């Protein structure tokens, strides 16, 4: 019966540091003041008990036994008063201190291992942001027409006579409204928002001006762009991607 009890007791210790902590606790001494002779003797008794019961020891236990005997021999050597030497137990104390911290952390994690076992978390739903509704947008069409008339007048006064004026037939420059819509989208994609005046500043011919204005009106109708006529300047902002299907 005693053999079985001793065997079970010996198997409790997972390593030599745990055995040393057990011996220090049993003797009620601090790891910072190890009675090395006494602890070494008790440690060797443990090793011998293992061998008596034919239990295989790991190399770590045997290595620690050698280290304890070496420390013991250093502690027993006479020292001169003028000699200042490090405590031979210093490295062992540091390892025991570190092992204690790891052991406490391990025990804490083991105690709380299943704390969240019955807690269930729902993944957040992906809620798509709805685009602003500008279906009821209000703008001053008269102001828009007046602004376009000003731009048209300035452009025509600056532009030289078209080449078609000198031909024998009446020339007519064809400008696609769809192409001007692409121009407006490209400007808004690059600049995010643009003033009404700036939108037309690089356009030099009447057909291109008219086609651009028609494209803008169609894009407003399809809610591809938003035109704000409430401020000092007319501001055009892109709302969404889209295509114009109506040609003029």
C-alpha atoms as a PDB file:
ATOM      1  CA  UNK A   1       0.000   0.000   0.000  1.00  0.00           C
ATOM      2  CA  UNK A   2       2.814   2.384   0.929  1.00  0.00           C
ATOM      3  CA  UNK A   3       4.544   1.629  -2.357  1.00  0.00           C
ATOM      4  CA  UNK A   4       1.479   2.637  -4.372  1.00  0.00           C
ATOM      5  CA  UNK A   5       1.027   5.857  -2.393  1.00  0.00           C
ATOM      6  CA  UNK A   6       4.676   6.815  -2.868  1.00  0.00           C
ATOM      7  CA  UNK A   7       4.541   5.995  -6.552  1.00  0.00           C
ATOM      8  CA  UNK A   8       1.506   8.234  -7.055  1.00  0.00           C
ATOM      9  CA  UNK A   9       3.136  11.010  -5.061  1.00  0.00           C
ATOM     10  CA  UNK A  10       6.302  10.846  -7.126  1.00  0.00           C
ATOM     11  CA  UNK A  11       4.383  11.098 -10.356  1.00  0.00           C
ATOM     12  CA  UNK A  12       2.794  14.402  -9.314  1.00  0.00           C
ATOM     13  CA  UNK A  13       5.893  16.427 -10.171  1.00  0.00           C
ATOM     14  CA  UNK A  14       6.222  17.295 -13.823  1.00  0.00           C
ATOM     15  CA  UNK A  15       9.797  18.498 -13.588  1.00  0.00           C
ATOM     16  CA  UNK A  16      12.691  19.172 -11.210  1.00  0.00           C
ATOM     17  CA  UNK A  17      11.740  22.815 -10.616  1.00  0.00           C
ATOM     18  CA  UNK A  18       8.270  21.777  -9.480  1.00  0.00           C
ATOM     19  CA  UNK A  19       9.821  19.237  -7.095  1.00  0.00           C
ATOM     20  CA  UNK A  20      12.152  21.885  -5.671  1.00  0.00           C
ATOM     21  CA  UNK A  21       9.243  24.283  -5.102  1.00  0.00           C
ATOM     22  CA  UNK A  22       7.385  21.479  -3.325  1.00  0.00           C
ATOM     23  CA  UNK A  23      10.383  20.827  -1.050  1.00  0.00           C
ATOM     24  CA  UNK A  24      10.791  24.542  -0.263  1.00  0.00           C
ATOM     25  CA  UNK A  25       7.101  24.825   0.580  1.00  0.00           C
ATOM     26  CA  UNK A  26       7.266  21.692   2.705  1.00  0.00           C
ATOM     27  CA  UNK A  27      10.212  23.132   4.657  1.00  0.00           C
ATOM     28  CA  UNK A  28       8.582  26.573   4.828  1.00  0.00           C
ATOM     29  CA  UNK A  29      11.564  28.397   3.366  1.00  0.00           C
ATOM     30  CA  UNK A  30      11.829  31.132   0.726  1.00  0.00           C
ATOM     31  CA  UNK A  31      13.260  30.581  -2.740  1.00  0.00           C
ATOM     32  CA  UNK A  32      15.548  33.542  -1.990  1.00  0.00           C
ATOM     33  CA  UNK A  33      17.182  31.771   0.956  1.00  0.00           C
ATOM     34  CA  UNK A  34      17.443  28.114   0.001  1.00  0.00           C
ATOM     35  CA  UNK A  35      19.008  25.846   2.664  1.00  0.00           C
ATOM     36  CA  UNK A  36      20.943  24.062  -0.041  1.00  0.00           C
ATOM     37  CA  UNK A  37      22.340  21.229   2.076  1.00  0.00           C
ATOM     38  CA  UNK A  38      18.935  20.236   3.434  1.00  0.00           C
ATOM     39  CA  UNK A  39      17.085  20.639   0.126  1.00  0.00           C
ATOM     40  CA  UNK A  40      19.760  18.745  -1.793  1.00  0.00           C
ATOM     41  CA  UNK A  41      19.502  15.833   0.656  1.00  0.00           C
ATOM     42  CA  UNK A  42      15.727  15.671   0.291  1.00  0.00           C
ATOM     43  CA  UNK A  43      15.970  15.955  -3.472  1.00  0.00           C
ATOM     44  CA  UNK A  44      18.427  13.020  -3.579  1.00  0.00           C
ATOM     45  CA  UNK A  45      16.023  10.979  -1.426  1.00  0.00           C
ATOM     46  CA  UNK A  46      13.389  11.572  -4.075  1.00  0.00           C
ATOM     47  CA  UNK A  47      15.761  10.457  -6.827  1.00  0.00           C
ATOM     48  CA  UNK A  48      16.686   7.326  -4.894  1.00  0.00           C
ATOM     49  CA  UNK A  49      13.003   6.534  -4.294  1.00  0.00           C
ATOM     50  CA  UNK A  50      12.427   6.658  -8.017  1.00  0.00           C
ATOM     51  CA  UNK A  51      15.260   4.230  -8.585  1.00  0.00           C
ATOM     52  CA  UNK A  52      13.982   1.924  -5.830  1.00  0.00           C
ATOM     53  CA  UNK A  53      10.622   1.587  -7.521  1.00  0.00           C
ATOM     54  CA  UNK A  54      12.266   1.194 -10.904  1.00  0.00           C
ATOM     55  CA  UNK A  55      10.570   4.322 -12.271  1.00  0.00           C
ATOM     56  CA  UNK A  56      12.353   5.858 -15.224  1.00  0.00           C
ATOM     57  CA  UNK A  57      13.660   9.347 -14.528  1.00  0.00           C
ATOM     58  CA  UNK A  58      13.955  12.026 -17.165  1.00  0.00           C
ATOM     59  CA  UNK A  59      17.350  13.526 -17.799  1.00  0.00           C
ATOM     60  CA  UNK A  60      16.122  16.840 -16.354  1.00  0.00           C
ATOM     61  CA  UNK A  61      15.826  15.371 -12.854  1.00  0.00           C
ATOM     62  CA  UNK A  62      19.308  13.884 -13.028  1.00  0.00           C
ATOM     63  CA  UNK A  63      20.765  17.123 -14.381  1.00  0.00           C
ATOM     64  CA  UNK A  64      19.210  19.082 -11.519  1.00  0.00           C
ATOM     65  CA  UNK A  65      20.651  16.609  -9.014  1.00  0.00           C
ATOM     66  CA  UNK A  66      24.120  17.263 -10.438  1.00  0.00           C
ATOM     67  CA  UNK A  67      23.532  21.012 -10.300  1.00  0.00           C
ATOM     68  CA  UNK A  68      22.396  20.880  -6.663  1.00  0.00           C
ATOM     69  CA  UNK A  69      25.448  18.875  -5.660  1.00  0.00           C
ATOM     70  CA  UNK A  70      27.684  21.401  -7.430  1.00  0.00           C
ATOM     71  CA  UNK A  71      25.999  24.320  -5.652  1.00  0.00           C
ATOM     72  CA  UNK A  72      26.271  22.468  -2.355  1.00  0.00           C
ATOM     73  CA  UNK A  73      30.006  21.929  -2.853  1.00  0.00           C
ATOM     74  CA  UNK A  74      30.530  25.629  -3.640  1.00  0.00           C
ATOM     75  CA  UNK A  75      28.562  26.643  -0.566  1.00  0.00           C
ATOM     76  CA  UNK A  76      30.673  24.377   1.641  1.00  0.00           C
ATOM     77  CA  UNK A  77      33.985  25.744   0.374  1.00  0.00           C
ATOM     78  CA  UNK A  78      35.632  28.174   2.800  1.00  0.00           C
ATOM     79  CA  UNK A  79      35.597  31.812   1.722  1.00  0.00           C
ATOM     80  CA  UNK A  80      37.963  34.596   2.621  1.00  0.00           C
ATOM     81  CA  UNK A  81      36.378  37.734   4.006  1.00  0.00           C
ATOM     82  CA  UNK A  82      37.944  39.953   1.344  1.00  0.00           C
ATOM     83  CA  UNK A  83      36.553  37.813  -1.478  1.00  0.00           C
ATOM     84  CA  UNK A  84      33.326  38.952  -3.032  1.00  0.00           C
ATOM     85  CA  UNK A  85      31.681  36.138  -4.972  1.00  0.00           C
ATOM     86  CA  UNK A  86      28.203  35.720  -6.397  1.00  0.00           C
ATOM     87  CA  UNK A  87      25.838  33.466  -4.495  1.00  0.00           C
ATOM     88  CA  UNK A  88      26.040  30.025  -6.202  1.00  0.00           C
ATOM     89  CA  UNK A  89      22.253  29.776  -5.762  1.00  0.00           C
ATOM     90  CA  UNK A  90      21.597  32.933  -7.818  1.00  0.00           C
ATOM     91  CA  UNK A  91      20.831  31.259 -11.176  1.00  0.00           C
ATOM     92  CA  UNK A  92      18.692  28.587  -9.534  1.00  0.00           C
ATOM     93  CA  UNK A  93      16.661  31.211  -7.668  1.00  0.00           C
ATOM     94  CA  UNK A  94      16.015  33.109 -10.915  1.00  0.00           C
ATOM     95  CA  UNK A  95      14.785  29.948 -12.642  1.00  0.00           C
ATOM     96  CA  UNK A  96      12.534  29.050  -9.716  1.00  0.00           C
ATOM     97  CA  UNK A  97      11.092  32.567  -9.710  1.00  0.00           C
ATOM     98  CA  UNK A  98      10.346  32.406 -13.442  1.00  0.00           C
ATOM     99  CA  UNK A  99       8.820  28.930 -13.086  1.00  0.00           C
ATOM    100  CA  UNK A 100       6.517  30.187 -10.323  1.00  0.00           C
ATOM    101  CA  UNK A 101       5.199  32.938 -12.608  1.00  0.00           C
ATOM    102  CA  UNK A 102       4.575  30.486 -15.448  1.00  0.00           C
ATOM    103  CA  UNK A 103       2.880  28.033 -13.106  1.00  0.00           C
ATOM    104  CA  UNK A 104       0.544  30.708 -11.733  1.00  0.00           C
ATOM    105  CA  UNK A 105      -0.345  31.837 -15.237  1.00  0.00           C
ATOM    106  CA  UNK A 106      -0.979  28.232 -16.263  1.00  0.00           C
ATOM    107  CA  UNK A 107      -3.248  27.642 -13.263  1.00  0.00           C
ATOM    108  CA  UNK A 108      -5.183  30.836 -13.991  1.00  0.00           C
ATOM    109  CA  UNK A 109      -5.728  29.809 -17.619  1.00  0.00           C
ATOM    110  CA  UNK A 110      -6.772  26.311 -16.575  1.00  0.00           C
ATOM    111  CA  UNK A 111      -9.327  27.726 -14.112  1.00  0.00           C
ATOM    112  CA  UNK A 112     -10.809  30.032 -16.722  1.00  0.00           C
ATOM    113  CA  UNK A 113     -10.501  27.672 -19.677  1.00  0.00           C
ATOM    114  CA  UNK A 114     -14.241  27.231 -20.061  1.00  0.00           C
ATOM    115  CA  UNK A 115     -15.407  30.664 -18.894  1.00  0.00           C
ATOM    116  CA  UNK A 116     -16.736  31.497 -22.333  1.00  0.00           C
ATOM    117  CA  UNK A 117     -17.782  27.949 -23.203  1.00  0.00           C
ATOM    118  CA  UNK A 118     -21.490  28.803 -23.214  1.00  0.00           C
ATOM    119  CA  UNK A 119     -21.128  32.276 -24.656  1.00  0.00           C
ATOM    120  CA  UNK A 120     -22.071  32.643 -28.275  1.00  0.00           C
ATOM    121  CA  UNK A 121     -21.371  35.656 -30.414  1.00  0.00           C
ATOM    122  CA  UNK A 122     -23.214  36.656 -33.525  1.00  0.00           C
ATOM    123  CA  UNK A 123     -21.175  37.954 -36.435  1.00  0.00           C
ATOM    124  CA  UNK A 124     -22.117  41.526 -37.339  1.00  0.00           C
ATOM    125  CA  UNK A 125     -24.512  41.927 -40.233  1.00  0.00           C
ATOM    126  CA  UNK A 126     -23.250  43.766 -43.263  1.00  0.00           C
ATOM    127  CA  UNK A 127     -25.680  46.627 -43.742  1.00  0.00           C
ATOM    128  CA  UNK A 128     -25.329  48.297 -47.086  1.00  0.00           C
ATOM    129  CA  UNK A 129     -25.391  52.052 -46.927  1.00  0.00           C
ATOM    130  CA  UNK A 130     -28.309  53.329 -48.915  1.00  0.00           C
ATOM    131  CA  UNK A 131     -27.582  55.991 -51.465  1.00  0.00           C
ATOM    132  CA  UNK A 132     -29.166  59.379 -50.744  1.00  0.00           C
ATOM    133  CA  UNK A 133     -32.546  59.823 -52.364  1.00  0.00           C
ATOM    134  CA  UNK A 134     -32.485  62.838 -54.657  1.00  0.00           C
ATOM    135  CA  UNK A 135     -35.602  61.879 -56.559  1.00  0.00           C
ATOM    136  CA  UNK A 136     -37.345  65.004 -55.271  1.00  0.00           C
ATOM    137  CA  UNK A 137     -34.388  67.319 -55.782  1.00  0.00           C
ATOM    138  CA  UNK A 138     -35.342  70.910 -56.541  1.00  0.00           C
ATOM    139  CA  UNK A 139     -33.287  73.186 -58.746  1.00  0.00           C
ATOM    140  CA  UNK A 140     -33.842  76.504 -60.465  1.00  0.00           C
ATOM    141  CA  UNK A 141     -34.061  75.674 -64.160  1.00  0.00           C
ATOM    142  CA  UNK A 142     -34.297  79.342 -65.133  1.00  0.00           C
ATOM    143  CA  UNK A 143     -31.033  80.080 -63.352  1.00  0.00           C
ATOM    144  CA  UNK A 144     -29.438  77.101 -65.075  1.00  0.00           C
ATOM    145  CA  UNK A 145     -30.582  78.355 -68.505  1.00  0.00           C
ATOM    146  CA  UNK A 146     -29.388  81.893 -67.762  1.00  0.00           C
ATOM    147  CA  UNK A 147     -25.957  80.597 -66.713  1.00  0.00           C
ATOM    148  CA  UNK A 148     -25.710  78.543 -69.906  1.00  0.00           C
ATOM    149  CA  UNK A 149     -26.733  81.511 -72.026  1.00  0.00           C
ATOM    150  CA  UNK A 150     -23.926  83.581 -70.494  1.00  0.00           C
ATOM    151  CA  UNK A 151     -21.358  80.868 -71.211  1.00  0.00           C
ATOM    152  CA  UNK A 152     -22.672  80.410 -74.768  1.00  0.00           C
ATOM    153  CA  UNK A 153     -22.476  84.121 -75.455  1.00  0.00           C
ATOM    154  CA  UNK A 154     -18.916  84.456 -74.114  1.00  0.00           C
ATOM    155  CA  UNK A 155     -17.712  81.416 -76.063  1.00  0.00           C
ATOM    156  CA  UNK A 156     -19.180  82.582 -79.359  1.00  0.00           C
ATOM    157  CA  UNK A 157     -17.651  86.050 -78.988  1.00  0.00           C
ATOM    158  CA  UNK A 158     -14.208  84.556 -78.349  1.00  0.00           C
ATOM    159  CA  UNK A 159     -14.325  81.787 -80.981  1.00  0.00           C
ATOM    160  CA  UNK A 160     -12.895  82.390 -84.496  1.00  0.00           C
ATOM    161  CA  UNK A 161     -15.158  81.796 -87.521  1.00  0.00           C
ATOM    162  CA  UNK A 162     -15.573  78.069 -88.139  1.00  0.00           C
ATOM    163  CA  UNK A 163     -13.894  76.520 -91.159  1.00  0.00           C
ATOM    164  CA  UNK A 164     -17.272  75.420 -92.457  1.00  0.00           C
ATOM    165  CA  UNK A 165     -18.215  79.060 -93.018  1.00  0.00           C
ATOM    166  CA  UNK A 166     -15.898  79.216 -96.016  1.00  0.00           C
ATOM    167  CA  UNK A 167     -17.142  76.112 -97.765  1.00  0.00           C
ATOM    168  CA  UNK A 168     -19.635  76.100-100.535  1.00  0.00           C
ATOM    169  CA  UNK A 169     -22.136  74.210 -98.487  1.00  0.00           C
ATOM    170  CA  UNK A 170     -23.532  74.762 -95.008  1.00  0.00           C
ATOM    171  CA  UNK A 171     -21.351  72.839 -92.583  1.00  0.00           C
ATOM    172  CA  UNK A 172     -22.602  71.308 -89.394  1.00  0.00           C
ATOM    173  CA  UNK A 173     -20.406  69.925 -86.607  1.00  0.00           C
ATOM    174  CA  UNK A 174     -21.897  66.783 -85.117  1.00  0.00           C
ATOM    175  CA  UNK A 175     -21.317  66.269 -81.382  1.00  0.00           C
ATOM    176  CA  UNK A 176     -22.676  63.216 -79.603  1.00  0.00           C
ATOM    177  CA  UNK A 177     -24.603  63.867 -76.378  1.00  0.00           C
ATOM    178  CA  UNK A 178     -23.401  60.493 -75.106  1.00  0.00           C
ATOM    179  CA  UNK A 179     -19.784  61.536 -75.609  1.00  0.00           C
ATOM    180  CA  UNK A 180     -20.415  64.739 -73.637  1.00  0.00           C
ATOM    181  CA  UNK A 181     -22.040  62.700 -70.862  1.00  0.00           C
ATOM    182  CA  UNK A 182     -18.848  60.650 -70.724  1.00  0.00           C
ATOM    183  CA  UNK A 183     -16.907  63.911 -70.506  1.00  0.00           C
ATOM    184  CA  UNK A 184     -19.032  65.081 -67.554  1.00  0.00           C
ATOM    185  CA  UNK A 185     -18.635  61.743 -65.755  1.00  0.00           C
ATOM    186  CA  UNK A 186     -14.887  61.792 -66.282  1.00  0.00           C
ATOM    187  CA  UNK A 187     -14.645  65.308 -64.807  1.00  0.00           C
ATOM    188  CA  UNK A 188     -16.765  64.392 -61.780  1.00  0.00           C
ATOM    189  CA  UNK A 189     -14.875  61.141 -61.198  1.00  0.00           C
ATOM    190  CA  UNK A 190     -11.620  63.079 -61.148  1.00  0.00           C
ATOM    191  CA  UNK A 191     -12.779  66.176 -59.262  1.00  0.00           C
ATOM    192  CA  UNK A 192     -15.797  64.839 -57.264  1.00  0.00           C
ATOM    193  CA  UNK A 193     -17.616  68.166 -57.647  1.00  0.00           C
ATOM    194  CA  UNK A 194     -17.336  70.907 -60.255  1.00  0.00           C
ATOM    195  CA  UNK A 195     -18.900  74.306 -60.817  1.00  0.00           C
ATOM    196  CA  UNK A 196     -21.211  74.878 -63.744  1.00  0.00           C
ATOM    197  CA  UNK A 197     -18.828  77.461 -65.220  1.00  0.00           C
ATOM    198  CA  UNK A 198     -15.765  75.207 -64.874  1.00  0.00           C
ATOM    199  CA  UNK A 199     -17.595  72.372 -66.624  1.00  0.00           C
ATOM    200  CA  UNK A 200     -17.842  74.445 -69.820  1.00  0.00           C
ATOM    201  CA  UNK A 201     -14.586  76.425 -69.656  1.00  0.00           C
ATOM    202  CA  UNK A 202     -12.597  74.160 -72.027  1.00  0.00           C
ATOM    203  CA  UNK A 203     -15.355  73.873 -74.646  1.00  0.00           C
ATOM    204  CA  UNK A 204     -14.851  76.179 -77.645  1.00  0.00           C
ATOM    205  CA  UNK A 205     -17.686  75.443 -80.092  1.00  0.00           C
ATOM    206  CA  UNK A 206     -21.417  76.028 -79.952  1.00  0.00           C
ATOM    207  CA  UNK A 207     -22.415  72.433 -80.897  1.00  0.00           C
ATOM    208  CA  UNK A 208     -20.170  71.036 -78.162  1.00  0.00           C
ATOM    209  CA  UNK A 209     -21.608  73.506 -75.623  1.00  0.00           C
ATOM    210  CA  UNK A 210     -25.186  72.617 -76.530  1.00  0.00           C
ATOM    211  CA  UNK A 211     -24.467  68.864 -76.480  1.00  0.00           C
ATOM    212  CA  UNK A 212     -22.800  69.150 -73.085  1.00  0.00           C
ATOM    213  CA  UNK A 213     -25.729  71.115 -71.649  1.00  0.00           C
ATOM    214  CA  UNK A 214     -28.222  68.566 -73.015  1.00  0.00           C
ATOM    215  CA  UNK A 215     -26.136  65.739 -71.562  1.00  0.00           C
ATOM    216  CA  UNK A 216     -26.165  67.477 -68.181  1.00  0.00           C
ATOM    217  CA  UNK A 217     -29.954  67.865 -68.233  1.00  0.00           C
ATOM    218  CA  UNK A 218     -30.402  64.200 -69.139  1.00  0.00           C
ATOM    219  CA  UNK A 219     -28.037  63.126 -66.351  1.00  0.00           C
ATOM    220  CA  UNK A 220     -30.023  65.234 -63.874  1.00  0.00           C
ATOM    221  CA  UNK A 221     -33.225  63.559 -65.057  1.00  0.00           C
ATOM    222  CA  UNK A 222     -31.692  60.098 -64.587  1.00  0.00           C
ATOM    223  CA  UNK A 223     -30.304  61.153 -61.158  1.00  0.00           C
ATOM    224  CA  UNK A 224     -26.759  60.434 -62.270  1.00  0.00           C
ATOM    225  CA  UNK A 225     -25.732  63.900 -61.113  1.00  0.00           C
ATOM    226  CA  UNK A 226     -27.029  66.388 -58.589  1.00  0.00           C
ATOM    227  CA  UNK A 227     -27.093  70.103 -59.441  1.00  0.00           C
ATOM    228  CA  UNK A 228     -27.246  72.555 -56.547  1.00  0.00           C
ATOM    229  CA  UNK A 229     -28.514  75.986 -57.598  1.00  0.00           C
ATOM    230  CA  UNK A 230     -29.044  77.361 -54.090  1.00  0.00           C
ATOM    231  CA  UNK A 231     -25.598  78.898 -53.549  1.00  0.00           C
ATOM    232  CA  UNK A 232     -23.635  81.694 -55.165  1.00  0.00           C
ATOM    233  CA  UNK A 233     -22.272  79.183 -57.674  1.00  0.00           C
ATOM    234  CA  UNK A 234     -24.026  76.287 -59.347  1.00  0.00           C
ATOM    235  CA  UNK A 235     -22.368  73.073 -58.120  1.00  0.00           C
ATOM    236  CA  UNK A 236     -22.568  69.716 -59.909  1.00  0.00           C
ATOM    237  CA  UNK A 237     -21.975  66.503 -57.952  1.00  0.00           C
ATOM    238  CA  UNK A 238     -21.894  62.874 -59.099  1.00  0.00           C
ATOM    239  CA  UNK A 239     -24.501  60.592 -57.492  1.00  0.00           C
ATOM    240  CA  UNK A 240     -24.059  57.252 -59.215  1.00  0.00           C
ATOM    241  CA  UNK A 241     -22.842  55.529 -62.354  1.00  0.00           C
ATOM    242  CA  UNK A 242     -25.193  55.356 -65.273  1.00  0.00           C
ATOM    243  CA  UNK A 243     -25.562  55.632 -69.036  1.00  0.00           C
ATOM    244  CA  UNK A 244     -27.567  57.969 -71.234  1.00  0.00           C
ATOM    245  CA  UNK A 245     -29.742  56.208 -73.788  1.00  0.00           C
ATOM    246  CA  UNK A 246     -31.446  59.239 -75.363  1.00  0.00           C
ATOM    247  CA  UNK A 247     -29.638  60.920 -78.266  1.00  0.00           C
ATOM    248  CA  UNK A 248     -30.511  64.313 -79.612  1.00  0.00           C
END
